[in-house]
């Protein structure tokens, strides 16, 4: 099995939203956690507004401290959608009921011309 196979398998068990849907949710004023699962050096080069950085490799170990509310609406993203799909599946398995993956990730957000920090 390849990494692509793992990602495709994960996507069958999670919800993906578009960058437009993510932007609308973030701007809605409703509580939302934007979780960037890229590496710190990627995050420092630019990230979604108000995003919290928790690299994919540390997710299981630190997420309950970063996001204690398992009912929180969590938008997970990475560079292009692979790591976020795997991370979202992990969050679901850990009991986070409202975790979604942003399809296309950082690349799609920037391509759409949306704001960054």
PDB file of N, CA and C in Angstrom:
ATOM      1  N   UNK A   1       0.836  -1.180   0.000  1.00  0.00           N
ATOM      2  CA  UNK A   1       0.000   0.000   0.000  1.00  0.00           C
ATOM      3  C   UNK A   1       0.890   1.257   0.000  1.00  0.00           C
ATOM      4  N   UNK A   2       0.527   2.217  -0.794  1.00  0.00           N
ATOM      5  CA  UNK A   2       1.312   3.455  -0.878  1.00  0.00           C
ATOM      6  C   UNK A   2       0.688   4.544  -0.009  1.00  0.00           C
ATOM      7  N   UNK A   3       1.406   5.656   0.145  1.00  0.00           N
ATOM      8  CA  UNK A   3       0.870   6.798   0.890  1.00  0.00           C
ATOM      9  C   UNK A   3      -0.419   7.291   0.241  1.00  0.00           C
ATOM     10  N   UNK A   4      -0.446   7.322  -1.081  1.00  0.00           N
ATOM     11  CA  UNK A   4      -1.651   7.749  -1.802  1.00  0.00           C
ATOM     12  C   UNK A   4      -2.826   6.835  -1.485  1.00  0.00           C
ATOM     13  N   UNK A   5      -2.562   5.541  -1.389  1.00  0.00           N
ATOM     14  CA  UNK A   5      -3.617   4.585  -1.033  1.00  0.00           C
ATOM     15  C   UNK A   5      -4.168   4.882   0.360  1.00  0.00           C
ATOM     16  N   UNK A   6      -3.269   5.176   1.311  1.00  0.00           N
ATOM     17  CA  UNK A   6      -3.692   5.501   2.677  1.00  0.00           C
ATOM     18  C   UNK A   6      -4.567   6.756   2.680  1.00  0.00           C
ATOM     19  N   UNK A   7      -4.144   7.763   1.935  1.00  0.00           N
ATOM     20  CA  UNK A   7      -4.907   9.014   1.865  1.00  0.00           C
ATOM     21  C   UNK A   7      -6.280   8.765   1.241  1.00  0.00           C
ATOM     22  N   UNK A   8      -6.314   8.046   0.124  1.00  0.00           N
ATOM     23  CA  UNK A   8      -7.589   7.756  -0.536  1.00  0.00           C
ATOM     24  C   UNK A   8      -8.520   6.951   0.366  1.00  0.00           C
ATOM     25  N   UNK A   9      -7.960   6.031   1.118  1.00  0.00           N
ATOM     26  CA  UNK A   9      -8.749   5.243   2.064  1.00  0.00           C
ATOM     27  C   UNK A   9      -9.301   6.142   3.168  1.00  0.00           C
ATOM     28  N   UNK A  10      -8.473   7.045   3.685  1.00  0.00           N
ATOM     29  CA  UNK A  10      -8.909   7.972   4.737  1.00  0.00           C
ATOM     30  C   UNK A  10     -10.058   8.849   4.239  1.00  0.00           C
ATOM     31  N   UNK A  11      -9.946   9.321   3.001  1.00  0.00           N
ATOM     32  CA  UNK A  11     -10.959  10.220   2.448  1.00  0.00           C
ATOM     33  C   UNK A  11     -12.338   9.572   2.356  1.00  0.00           C
ATOM     34  N   UNK A  12     -12.390   8.256   2.360  1.00  0.00           N
ATOM     35  CA  UNK A  12     -13.677   7.548   2.317  1.00  0.00           C
ATOM     36  C   UNK A  12     -14.406   7.637   3.658  1.00  0.00           C
ATOM     37  N   UNK A  13     -13.667   8.003   4.718  1.00  0.00           N
ATOM     38  CA  UNK A  13     -14.233   7.973   6.065  1.00  0.00           C
ATOM     39  C   UNK A  13     -14.305   9.338   6.741  1.00  0.00           C
ATOM     40  N   UNK A  14     -14.008  10.383   5.996  1.00  0.00           N
ATOM     41  CA  UNK A  14     -14.017  11.735   6.566  1.00  0.00           C
ATOM     42  C   UNK A  14     -14.864  12.662   5.702  1.00  0.00           C
ATOM     43  N   UNK A  15     -15.071  13.865   6.199  1.00  0.00           N
ATOM     44  CA  UNK A  15     -15.747  14.899   5.427  1.00  0.00           C
ATOM     45  C   UNK A  15     -14.697  15.876   4.927  1.00  0.00           C
ATOM     46  N   UNK A  16     -14.764  16.191   3.640  1.00  0.00           N
ATOM     47  CA  UNK A  16     -13.893  17.218   3.070  1.00  0.00           C
ATOM     48  C   UNK A  16     -14.750  18.420   2.709  1.00  0.00           C
ATOM     49  N   UNK A  17     -14.191  19.609   2.920  1.00  0.00           N
ATOM     50  CA  UNK A  17     -14.868  20.830   2.503  1.00  0.00           C
ATOM     51  C   UNK A  17     -13.946  21.590   1.553  1.00  0.00           C
ATOM     52  N   UNK A  18     -14.532  22.433   0.739  1.00  0.00           N
ATOM     53  CA  UNK A  18     -13.748  23.233  -0.200  1.00  0.00           C
ATOM     54  C   UNK A  18     -13.129  24.414   0.534  1.00  0.00           C
ATOM     55  N   UNK A  19     -12.185  25.085  -0.108  1.00  0.00           N
ATOM     56  CA  UNK A  19     -11.592  26.276   0.504  1.00  0.00           C
ATOM     57  C   UNK A  19     -12.651  27.370   0.656  1.00  0.00           C
ATOM     58  N   UNK A  20     -13.580  27.461  -0.270  1.00  0.00           N
ATOM     59  CA  UNK A  20     -14.656  28.457  -0.166  1.00  0.00           C
ATOM     60  C   UNK A  20     -15.536  28.165   1.049  1.00  0.00           C
ATOM     61  N   UNK A  21     -15.850  26.906   1.280  1.00  0.00           N
ATOM     62  CA  UNK A  21     -16.645  26.532   2.453  1.00  0.00           C
ATOM     63  C   UNK A  21     -15.870  26.810   3.742  1.00  0.00           C
ATOM     64  N   UNK A  22     -14.564  26.526   3.718  1.00  0.00           N
ATOM     65  CA  UNK A  22     -13.728  26.785   4.893  1.00  0.00           C
ATOM     66  C   UNK A  22     -13.688  28.278   5.198  1.00  0.00           C
ATOM     67  N   UNK A  23     -13.493  29.085   4.180  1.00  0.00           N
ATOM     68  CA  UNK A  23     -13.432  30.543   4.352  1.00  0.00           C
ATOM     69  C   UNK A  23     -14.753  31.055   4.932  1.00  0.00           C
ATOM     70  N   UNK A  24     -15.857  30.574   4.390  1.00  0.00           N
ATOM     71  CA  UNK A  24     -17.175  31.002   4.866  1.00  0.00           C
ATOM     72  C   UNK A  24     -17.369  30.618   6.336  1.00  0.00           C
ATOM     73  N   UNK A  25     -16.942  29.432   6.699  1.00  0.00           N
ATOM     74  CA  UNK A  25     -17.086  28.978   8.092  1.00  0.00           C
ATOM     75  C   UNK A  25     -16.215  29.832   9.017  1.00  0.00           C
ATOM     76  N   UNK A  26     -14.986  30.095   8.609  1.00  0.00           N
ATOM     77  CA  UNK A  26     -14.063  30.898   9.415  1.00  0.00           C
ATOM     78  C   UNK A  26     -14.615  32.305   9.618  1.00  0.00           C
ATOM     79  N   UNK A  27     -15.206  32.866   8.571  1.00  0.00           N
ATOM     80  CA  UNK A  27     -15.719  34.239   8.623  1.00  0.00           C
ATOM     81  C   UNK A  27     -17.132  34.338   9.196  1.00  0.00           C
ATOM     82  N   UNK A  28     -17.749  33.212   9.507  1.00  0.00           N
ATOM     83  CA  UNK A  28     -19.139  33.198   9.964  1.00  0.00           C
ATOM     84  C   UNK A  28     -19.329  33.747  11.375  1.00  0.00           C
ATOM     85  N   UNK A  29     -18.247  33.803  12.123  1.00  0.00           N
ATOM     86  CA  UNK A  29     -18.362  34.248  13.508  1.00  0.00           C
ATOM     87  C   UNK A  29     -18.663  33.104  14.467  1.00  0.00           C
ATOM     88  N   UNK A  30     -18.944  31.937  13.917  1.00  0.00           N
ATOM     89  CA  UNK A  30     -19.163  30.759  14.751  1.00  0.00           C
ATOM     90  C   UNK A  30     -17.823  30.226  15.237  1.00  0.00           C
ATOM     91  N   UNK A  31     -17.808  29.552  16.394  1.00  0.00           N
ATOM     92  CA  UNK A  31     -16.552  29.000  16.887  1.00  0.00           C
ATOM     93  C   UNK A  31     -15.987  27.961  15.919  1.00  0.00           C
ATOM     94  N   UNK A  32     -14.722  28.099  15.606  1.00  0.00           N
ATOM     95  CA  UNK A  32     -14.042  27.158  14.714  1.00  0.00           C
ATOM     96  C   UNK A  32     -12.559  27.132  15.071  1.00  0.00           C
ATOM     97  N   UNK A  33     -11.974  25.949  14.983  1.00  0.00           N
ATOM     98  CA  UNK A  33     -10.539  25.799  15.170  1.00  0.00           C
ATOM     99  C   UNK A  33      -9.947  25.485  13.802  1.00  0.00           C
ATOM    100  N   UNK A  34      -8.961  26.276  13.386  1.00  0.00           N
ATOM    101  CA  UNK A  34      -8.270  26.029  12.121  1.00  0.00           C
ATOM    102  C   UNK A  34      -6.944  25.367  12.491  1.00  0.00           C
ATOM    103  N   UNK A  35      -6.797  24.113  12.112  1.00  0.00           N
ATOM    104  CA  UNK A  35      -5.638  23.318  12.510  1.00  0.00           C
ATOM    105  C   UNK A  35      -4.732  23.051  11.318  1.00  0.00           C
ATOM    106  N   UNK A  36      -3.530  23.596  11.381  1.00  0.00           N
ATOM    107  CA  UNK A  36      -2.509  23.424  10.344  1.00  0.00           C
ATOM    108  C   UNK A  36      -1.608  22.271  10.769  1.00  0.00           C
ATOM    109  N   UNK A  37      -1.632  21.172  10.022  1.00  0.00           N
ATOM    110  CA  UNK A  37      -0.840  19.997  10.396  1.00  0.00           C
ATOM    111  C   UNK A  37       0.473  19.899   9.612  1.00  0.00           C
ATOM    112  N   UNK A  38       0.871  21.017   8.990  1.00  0.00           N
ATOM    113  CA  UNK A  38       2.163  21.043   8.296  1.00  0.00           C
ATOM    114  C   UNK A  38       3.287  21.190   9.323  1.00  0.00           C
ATOM    115  N   UNK A  39       4.493  21.089   8.851  1.00  0.00           N
ATOM    116  CA  UNK A  39       5.663  21.255   9.711  1.00  0.00           C
ATOM    117  C   UNK A  39       5.826  22.730  10.087  1.00  0.00           C
ATOM    118  N   UNK A  40       6.452  23.014  11.232  1.00  0.00           N
ATOM    119  CA  UNK A  40       6.614  24.403  11.675  1.00  0.00           C
ATOM    120  C   UNK A  40       7.247  25.332  10.645  1.00  0.00           C
ATOM    121  N   UNK A  41       8.234  24.852   9.896  1.00  0.00           N
ATOM    122  CA  UNK A  41       8.869  25.723   8.891  1.00  0.00           C
ATOM    123  C   UNK A  41       7.882  26.101   7.786  1.00  0.00           C
ATOM    124  N   UNK A  42       6.974  25.190   7.434  1.00  0.00           N
ATOM    125  CA  UNK A  42       5.949  25.507   6.441  1.00  0.00           C
ATOM    126  C   UNK A  42       4.971  26.537   7.001  1.00  0.00           C
ATOM    127  N   UNK A  43       4.575  26.347   8.243  1.00  0.00           N
ATOM    128  CA  UNK A  43       3.641  27.247   8.919  1.00  0.00           C
ATOM    129  C   UNK A  43       4.218  28.662   8.996  1.00  0.00           C
ATOM    130  N   UNK A  44       5.492  28.770   9.318  1.00  0.00           N
ATOM    131  CA  UNK A  44       6.143  30.081   9.457  1.00  0.00           C
ATOM    132  C   UNK A  44       6.196  30.847   8.135  1.00  0.00           C
ATOM    133  N   UNK A  45       6.198  30.131   7.028  1.00  0.00           N
ATOM    134  CA  UNK A  45       6.224  30.786   5.706  1.00  0.00           C
ATOM    135  C   UNK A  45       4.870  31.368   5.325  1.00  0.00           C
ATOM    136  N   UNK A  46       3.834  31.008   6.065  1.00  0.00           N
ATOM    137  CA  UNK A  46       2.495  31.502   5.803  1.00  0.00           C
ATOM    138  C   UNK A  46       1.450  30.483   6.213  1.00  0.00           C
ATOM    139  N   UNK A  47       0.317  30.976   6.710  1.00  0.00           N
ATOM    140  CA  UNK A  47      -0.749  30.089   7.157  1.00  0.00           C
ATOM    141  C   UNK A  47      -2.093  30.810   7.110  1.00  0.00           C
ATOM    142  N   UNK A  48      -3.148  30.053   7.265  1.00  0.00           N
ATOM    143  CA  UNK A  48      -4.487  30.625   7.296  1.00  0.00           C
ATOM    144  C   UNK A  48      -4.628  31.504   8.532  1.00  0.00           C
ATOM    145  N   UNK A  49      -5.447  32.543   8.445  1.00  0.00           N
ATOM    146  CA  UNK A  49      -5.670  33.405   9.606  1.00  0.00           C
ATOM    147  C   UNK A  49      -6.132  32.601  10.833  1.00  0.00           C
ATOM    148  N   UNK A  50      -5.511  32.902  11.959  1.00  0.00           N
ATOM    149  CA  UNK A  50      -5.844  32.298  13.264  1.00  0.00           C
ATOM    150  C   UNK A  50      -5.579  30.800  13.337  1.00  0.00           C
ATOM    151  N   UNK A  51      -4.806  30.260  12.402  1.00  0.00           N
ATOM    152  CA  UNK A  51      -4.509  28.828  12.419  1.00  0.00           C
ATOM    153  C   UNK A  51      -3.574  28.476  13.571  1.00  0.00           C
ATOM    154  N   UNK A  52      -3.786  27.291  14.108  1.00  0.00           N
ATOM    155  CA  UNK A  52      -2.943  26.721  15.150  1.00  0.00           C
ATOM    156  C   UNK A  52      -2.096  25.643  14.478  1.00  0.00           C
ATOM    157  N   UNK A  53      -0.798  25.654  14.736  1.00  0.00           N
ATOM    158  CA  UNK A  53       0.089  24.666  14.119  1.00  0.00           C
ATOM    159  C   UNK A  53       0.317  23.487  15.052  1.00  0.00           C
ATOM    160  N   UNK A  54      -0.015  22.303  14.571  1.00  0.00           N
ATOM    161  CA  UNK A  54       0.260  21.056  15.270  1.00  0.00           C
ATOM    162  C   UNK A  54       0.639  20.037  14.204  1.00  0.00           C
ATOM    163  N   UNK A  55       1.947  19.813  14.016  1.00  0.00           N
ATOM    164  CA  UNK A  55       2.386  18.913  12.952  1.00  0.00           C
ATOM    165  C   UNK A  55       1.754  17.526  13.050  1.00  0.00           C
ATOM    166  N   UNK A  56       1.484  16.959  11.908  1.00  0.00           N
ATOM    167  CA  UNK A  56       0.847  15.639  11.809  1.00  0.00           C
ATOM    168  C   UNK A  56       1.519  14.607  12.704  1.00  0.00           C
ATOM    169  N   UNK A  57       2.829  14.629  12.771  1.00  0.00           N
ATOM    170  CA  UNK A  57       3.562  13.641  13.559  1.00  0.00           C
ATOM    171  C   UNK A  57       3.360  13.749  15.065  1.00  0.00           C
ATOM    172  N   UNK A  58       2.860  14.877  15.532  1.00  0.00           N
ATOM    173  CA  UNK A  58       2.636  15.077  16.967  1.00  0.00           C
ATOM    174  C   UNK A  58       1.155  15.094  17.336  1.00  0.00           C
ATOM    175  N   UNK A  59       0.300  14.946  16.366  1.00  0.00           N
ATOM    176  CA  UNK A  59      -1.144  15.107  16.556  1.00  0.00           C
ATOM    177  C   UNK A  59      -1.694  14.287  17.716  1.00  0.00           C
ATOM    178  N   UNK A  60      -1.476  13.003  17.690  1.00  0.00           N
ATOM    179  CA  UNK A  60      -2.046  12.126  18.706  1.00  0.00           C
ATOM    180  C   UNK A  60      -1.550  12.466  20.112  1.00  0.00           C
ATOM    181  N   UNK A  61      -0.326  12.986  20.189  1.00  0.00           N
ATOM    182  CA  UNK A  61       0.277  13.264  21.488  1.00  0.00           C
ATOM    183  C   UNK A  61      -0.151  14.597  22.095  1.00  0.00           C
ATOM    184  N   UNK A  62      -0.503  15.574  21.257  1.00  0.00           N
ATOM    185  CA  UNK A  62      -0.740  16.922  21.766  1.00  0.00           C
ATOM    186  C   UNK A  62      -2.124  17.505  21.497  1.00  0.00           C
ATOM    187  N   UNK A  63      -2.928  16.860  20.695  1.00  0.00           N
ATOM    188  CA  UNK A  63      -4.190  17.479  20.274  1.00  0.00           C
ATOM    189  C   UNK A  63      -5.143  17.746  21.432  1.00  0.00           C
ATOM    190  N   UNK A  64      -5.176  16.890  22.435  1.00  0.00           N
ATOM    191  CA  UNK A  64      -6.122  17.116  23.526  1.00  0.00           C
ATOM    192  C   UNK A  64      -5.762  18.366  24.343  1.00  0.00           C
ATOM    193  N   UNK A  65      -4.504  18.765  24.307  1.00  0.00           N
ATOM    194  CA  UNK A  65      -4.100  20.010  24.972  1.00  0.00           C
ATOM    195  C   UNK A  65      -4.413  21.215  24.090  1.00  0.00           C
ATOM    196  N   UNK A  66      -4.250  21.050  22.787  1.00  0.00           N
ATOM    197  CA  UNK A  66      -4.489  22.143  21.837  1.00  0.00           C
ATOM    198  C   UNK A  66      -5.986  22.345  21.605  1.00  0.00           C
ATOM    199  N   UNK A  67      -6.724  21.235  21.506  1.00  0.00           N
ATOM    200  CA  UNK A  67      -8.175  21.291  21.281  1.00  0.00           C
ATOM    201  C   UNK A  67      -8.850  20.385  22.314  1.00  0.00           C
ATOM    202  N   UNK A  68      -9.103  20.907  23.518  1.00  0.00           N
ATOM    203  CA  UNK A  68      -9.698  20.060  24.555  1.00  0.00           C
ATOM    204  C   UNK A  68     -11.162  19.681  24.293  1.00  0.00           C
ATOM    205  N   UNK A  69     -11.884  20.507  23.533  1.00  0.00           N
ATOM    206  CA  UNK A  69     -13.303  20.263  23.267  1.00  0.00           C
ATOM    207  C   UNK A  69     -13.478  19.352  22.055  1.00  0.00           C
ATOM    208  N   UNK A  70     -13.877  18.126  22.301  1.00  0.00           N
ATOM    209  CA  UNK A  70     -14.044  17.163  21.207  1.00  0.00           C
ATOM    210  C   UNK A  70     -15.281  17.428  20.359  1.00  0.00           C
ATOM    211  N   UNK A  71     -16.083  18.407  20.752  1.00  0.00           N
ATOM    212  CA  UNK A  71     -17.235  18.811  19.939  1.00  0.00           C
ATOM    213  C   UNK A  71     -16.924  20.037  19.080  1.00  0.00           C
ATOM    214  N   UNK A  72     -15.723  20.563  19.190  1.00  0.00           N
ATOM    215  CA  UNK A  72     -15.341  21.750  18.419  1.00  0.00           C
ATOM    216  C   UNK A  72     -15.386  21.455  16.925  1.00  0.00           C
ATOM    217  N   UNK A  73     -15.727  22.483  16.141  1.00  0.00           N
ATOM    218  CA  UNK A  73     -15.662  22.360  14.687  1.00  0.00           C
ATOM    219  C   UNK A  73     -14.210  22.630  14.300  1.00  0.00           C
ATOM    220  N   UNK A  74     -13.544  21.633  13.737  1.00  0.00           N
ATOM    221  CA  UNK A  74     -12.124  21.722  13.418  1.00  0.00           C
ATOM    222  C   UNK A  74     -11.918  21.590  11.912  1.00  0.00           C
ATOM    223  N   UNK A  75     -11.316  22.623  11.324  1.00  0.00           N
ATOM    224  CA  UNK A  75     -10.943  22.575   9.908  1.00  0.00           C
ATOM    225  C   UNK A  75      -9.461  22.243   9.866  1.00  0.00           C
ATOM    226  N   UNK A  76      -9.133  21.090   9.308  1.00  0.00           N
ATOM    227  CA  UNK A  76      -7.755  20.618   9.247  1.00  0.00           C
ATOM    228  C   UNK A  76      -7.223  20.853   7.837  1.00  0.00           C
ATOM    229  N   UNK A  77      -5.999  21.381   7.758  1.00  0.00           N
ATOM    230  CA  UNK A  77      -5.396  21.553   6.432  1.00  0.00           C
ATOM    231  C   UNK A  77      -3.899  21.304   6.476  1.00  0.00           C
ATOM    232  N   UNK A  78      -3.344  21.034   5.300  1.00  0.00           N
ATOM    233  CA  UNK A  78      -1.907  20.848   5.119  1.00  0.00           C
ATOM    234  C   UNK A  78      -1.541  21.533   3.804  1.00  0.00           C
ATOM    235  N   UNK A  79      -0.512  21.080   3.147  1.00  0.00           N
ATOM    236  CA  UNK A  79      -0.090  21.718   1.896  1.00  0.00           C
ATOM    237  C   UNK A  79      -1.082  21.469   0.760  1.00  0.00           C
ATOM    238  N   UNK A  80      -1.501  20.203   0.609  1.00  0.00           N
ATOM    239  CA  UNK A  80      -2.368  19.901  -0.532  1.00  0.00           C
ATOM    240  C   UNK A  80      -3.542  18.973  -0.215  1.00  0.00           C
ATOM    241  N   UNK A  81      -3.669  18.518   1.020  1.00  0.00           N
ATOM    242  CA  UNK A  81      -4.833  17.724   1.403  1.00  0.00           C
ATOM    243  C   UNK A  81      -4.574  16.297   1.843  1.00  0.00           C
ATOM    244  N   UNK A  82      -3.369  15.794   1.664  1.00  0.00           N
ATOM    245  CA  UNK A  82      -3.068  14.420   2.052  1.00  0.00           C
ATOM    246  C   UNK A  82      -2.904  14.244   3.554  1.00  0.00           C
ATOM    247  N   UNK A  83      -1.985  15.018   4.141  1.00  0.00           N
ATOM    248  CA  UNK A  83      -1.769  14.921   5.586  1.00  0.00           C
ATOM    249  C   UNK A  83      -3.028  15.302   6.353  1.00  0.00           C
ATOM    250  N   UNK A  84      -3.773  16.283   5.833  1.00  0.00           N
ATOM    251  CA  UNK A  84      -4.986  16.706   6.544  1.00  0.00           C
ATOM    252  C   UNK A  84      -6.042  15.608   6.525  1.00  0.00           C
ATOM    253  N   UNK A  85      -6.126  14.853   5.445  1.00  0.00           N
ATOM    254  CA  UNK A  85      -7.078  13.742   5.392  1.00  0.00           C
ATOM    255  C   UNK A  85      -6.724  12.690   6.450  1.00  0.00           C
ATOM    256  N   UNK A  86      -5.449  12.345   6.536  1.00  0.00           N
ATOM    257  CA  UNK A  86      -5.003  11.367   7.530  1.00  0.00           C
ATOM    258  C   UNK A  86      -5.219  11.906   8.945  1.00  0.00           C
ATOM    259  N   UNK A  87      -4.911  13.189   9.155  1.00  0.00           N
ATOM    260  CA  UNK A  87      -5.088  13.802  10.469  1.00  0.00           C
ATOM    261  C   UNK A  87      -6.559  13.854  10.860  1.00  0.00           C
ATOM    262  N   UNK A  88      -7.422  14.164   9.903  1.00  0.00           N
ATOM    263  CA  UNK A  88      -8.855  14.232  10.184  1.00  0.00           C
ATOM    264  C   UNK A  88      -9.395  12.863  10.579  1.00  0.00           C
ATOM    265  N   UNK A  89      -8.938  11.833   9.894  1.00  0.00           N
ATOM    266  CA  UNK A  89      -9.355  10.473  10.257  1.00  0.00           C
ATOM    267  C   UNK A  89      -8.895  10.150  11.678  1.00  0.00           C
ATOM    268  N   UNK A  90      -7.682  10.525  12.011  1.00  0.00           N
ATOM    269  CA  UNK A  90      -7.171  10.308  13.369  1.00  0.00           C
ATOM    270  C   UNK A  90      -8.031  11.043  14.391  1.00  0.00           C
ATOM    271  N   UNK A  91      -8.351  12.290  14.105  1.00  0.00           N
ATOM    272  CA  UNK A  91      -9.191  13.061  15.019  1.00  0.00           C
ATOM    273  C   UNK A  91     -10.549  12.392  15.213  1.00  0.00           C
ATOM    274  N   UNK A  92     -11.135  11.918  14.131  1.00  0.00           N
ATOM    275  CA  UNK A  92     -12.421  11.217  14.217  1.00  0.00           C
ATOM    276  C   UNK A  92     -12.295  10.000  15.144  1.00  0.00           C
ATOM    277  N   UNK A  93     -11.230   9.249  14.963  1.00  0.00           N
ATOM    278  CA  UNK A  93     -11.013   8.052  15.784  1.00  0.00           C
ATOM    279  C   UNK A  93     -10.766   8.408  17.243  1.00  0.00           C
ATOM    280  N   UNK A  94     -10.266   9.615  17.485  1.00  0.00           N
ATOM    281  CA  UNK A  94     -10.016  10.071  18.855  1.00  0.00           C
ATOM    282  C   UNK A  94     -11.254  10.722  19.474  1.00  0.00           C
ATOM    283  N   UNK A  95     -12.345  10.777  18.719  1.00  0.00           N
ATOM    284  CA  UNK A  95     -13.595  11.276  19.261  1.00  0.00           C
ATOM    285  C   UNK A  95     -13.968  12.699  18.884  1.00  0.00           C
ATOM    286  N   UNK A  96     -13.202  13.318  17.987  1.00  0.00           N
ATOM    287  CA  UNK A  96     -13.542  14.665  17.522  1.00  0.00           C
ATOM    288  C   UNK A  96     -14.624  14.527  16.445  1.00  0.00           C
ATOM    289  N   UNK A  97     -15.849  14.853  16.829  1.00  0.00           N
ATOM    290  CA  UNK A  97     -17.010  14.587  15.976  1.00  0.00           C
ATOM    291  C   UNK A  97     -17.143  15.533  14.791  1.00  0.00           C
ATOM    292  N   UNK A  98     -16.590  16.739  14.906  1.00  0.00           N
ATOM    293  CA  UNK A  98     -16.794  17.766  13.890  1.00  0.00           C
ATOM    294  C   UNK A  98     -15.502  18.188  13.193  1.00  0.00           C
ATOM    295  N   UNK A  99     -14.608  17.235  12.981  1.00  0.00           N
ATOM    296  CA  UNK A  99     -13.367  17.518  12.272  1.00  0.00           C
ATOM    297  C   UNK A  99     -13.576  17.295  10.782  1.00  0.00           C
ATOM    298  N   UNK A 100     -13.132  18.267   9.980  1.00  0.00           N
ATOM    299  CA  UNK A 100     -13.235  18.166   8.523  1.00  0.00           C
ATOM    300  C   UNK A 100     -11.884  18.520   7.908  1.00  0.00           C
ATOM    301  N   UNK A 101     -11.625  17.999   6.742  1.00  0.00           N
ATOM    302  CA  UNK A 101     -10.386  18.277   6.023  1.00  0.00           C
ATOM    303  C   UNK A 101     -10.671  19.273   4.900  1.00  0.00           C
ATOM    304  N   UNK A 102      -9.789  20.242   4.765  1.00  0.00           N
ATOM    305  CA  UNK A 102      -9.944  21.228   3.692  1.00  0.00           C
ATOM    306  C   UNK A 102      -9.273  20.691   2.427  1.00  0.00           C
ATOM    307  N   UNK A 103     -10.074  20.339   1.444  1.00  0.00           N
ATOM    308  CA  UNK A 103      -9.575  19.792   0.184  1.00  0.00           C
ATOM    309  C   UNK A 103      -8.665  20.790  -0.521  1.00  0.00           C
ATOM    310  N   UNK A 104      -7.544  20.307  -1.016  1.00  0.00           N
ATOM    311  CA  UNK A 104      -6.606  21.159  -1.740  1.00  0.00           C
ATOM    312  C   UNK A 104      -5.616  21.886  -0.857  1.00  0.00           C
ATOM    313  N   UNK A 105      -5.929  21.983   0.437  1.00  0.00           N
ATOM    314  CA  UNK A 105      -5.005  22.544   1.418  1.00  0.00           C
ATOM    315  C   UNK A 105      -4.550  23.971   1.159  1.00  0.00           C
ATOM    316  N   UNK A 106      -3.367  24.258   1.674  1.00  0.00           N
ATOM    317  CA  UNK A 106      -2.743  25.581   1.579  1.00  0.00           C
ATOM    318  C   UNK A 106      -2.650  26.046   0.129  1.00  0.00           C
ATOM    319  N   UNK A 107      -2.255  25.138  -0.756  1.00  0.00           N
ATOM    320  CA  UNK A 107      -2.107  25.498  -2.174  1.00  0.00           C
ATOM    321  C   UNK A 107      -3.414  26.037  -2.752  1.00  0.00           C
ATOM    322  N   UNK A 108      -4.515  25.367  -2.463  1.00  0.00           N
ATOM    323  CA  UNK A 108      -5.819  25.785  -2.993  1.00  0.00           C
ATOM    324  C   UNK A 108      -6.263  27.108  -2.364  1.00  0.00           C
ATOM    325  N   UNK A 109      -5.963  27.294  -1.079  1.00  0.00           N
ATOM    326  CA  UNK A 109      -6.327  28.533  -0.379  1.00  0.00           C
ATOM    327  C   UNK A 109      -5.602  29.722  -1.014  1.00  0.00           C
ATOM    328  N   UNK A 110      -4.297  29.572  -1.219  1.00  0.00           N
ATOM    329  CA  UNK A 110      -3.489  30.646  -1.816  1.00  0.00           C
ATOM    330  C   UNK A 110      -3.925  30.900  -3.262  1.00  0.00           C
ATOM    331  N   UNK A 111      -4.160  29.842  -4.012  1.00  0.00           N
ATOM    332  CA  UNK A 111      -4.591  29.973  -5.410  1.00  0.00           C
ATOM    333  C   UNK A 111      -5.909  30.741  -5.507  1.00  0.00           C
ATOM    334  N   UNK A 112      -6.771  30.568  -4.502  1.00  0.00           N
ATOM    335  CA  UNK A 112      -8.060  31.272  -4.488  1.00  0.00           C
ATOM    336  C   UNK A 112      -7.895  32.751  -4.119  1.00  0.00           C
ATOM    337  N   UNK A 113      -6.693  33.121  -3.671  1.00  0.00           N
ATOM    338  CA  UNK A 113      -6.441  34.515  -3.316  1.00  0.00           C
ATOM    339  C   UNK A 113      -6.973  34.912  -1.952  1.00  0.00           C
ATOM    340  N   UNK A 114      -7.208  33.938  -1.091  1.00  0.00           N
ATOM    341  CA  UNK A 114      -7.741  34.206   0.242  1.00  0.00           C
ATOM    342  C   UNK A 114      -6.651  34.739   1.174  1.00  0.00           C
ATOM    343  N   UNK A 115      -7.045  35.410   2.255  1.00  0.00           N
ATOM    344  CA  UNK A 115      -6.061  36.033   3.151  1.00  0.00           C
ATOM    345  C   UNK A 115      -5.171  35.025   3.874  1.00  0.00           C
ATOM    346  N   UNK A 116      -3.947  35.436   4.109  1.00  0.00           N
ATOM    347  CA  UNK A 116      -2.964  34.603   4.815  1.00  0.00           C
ATOM    348  C   UNK A 116      -2.250  35.451   5.870  1.00  0.00           C
ATOM    349  N   UNK A 117      -1.649  34.783   6.809  1.00  0.00           N
ATOM    350  CA  UNK A 117      -0.838  35.455   7.826  1.00  0.00           C
ATOM    351  C   UNK A 117       0.592  34.979   7.697  1.00  0.00           C
TER     352      UNK A 117
END
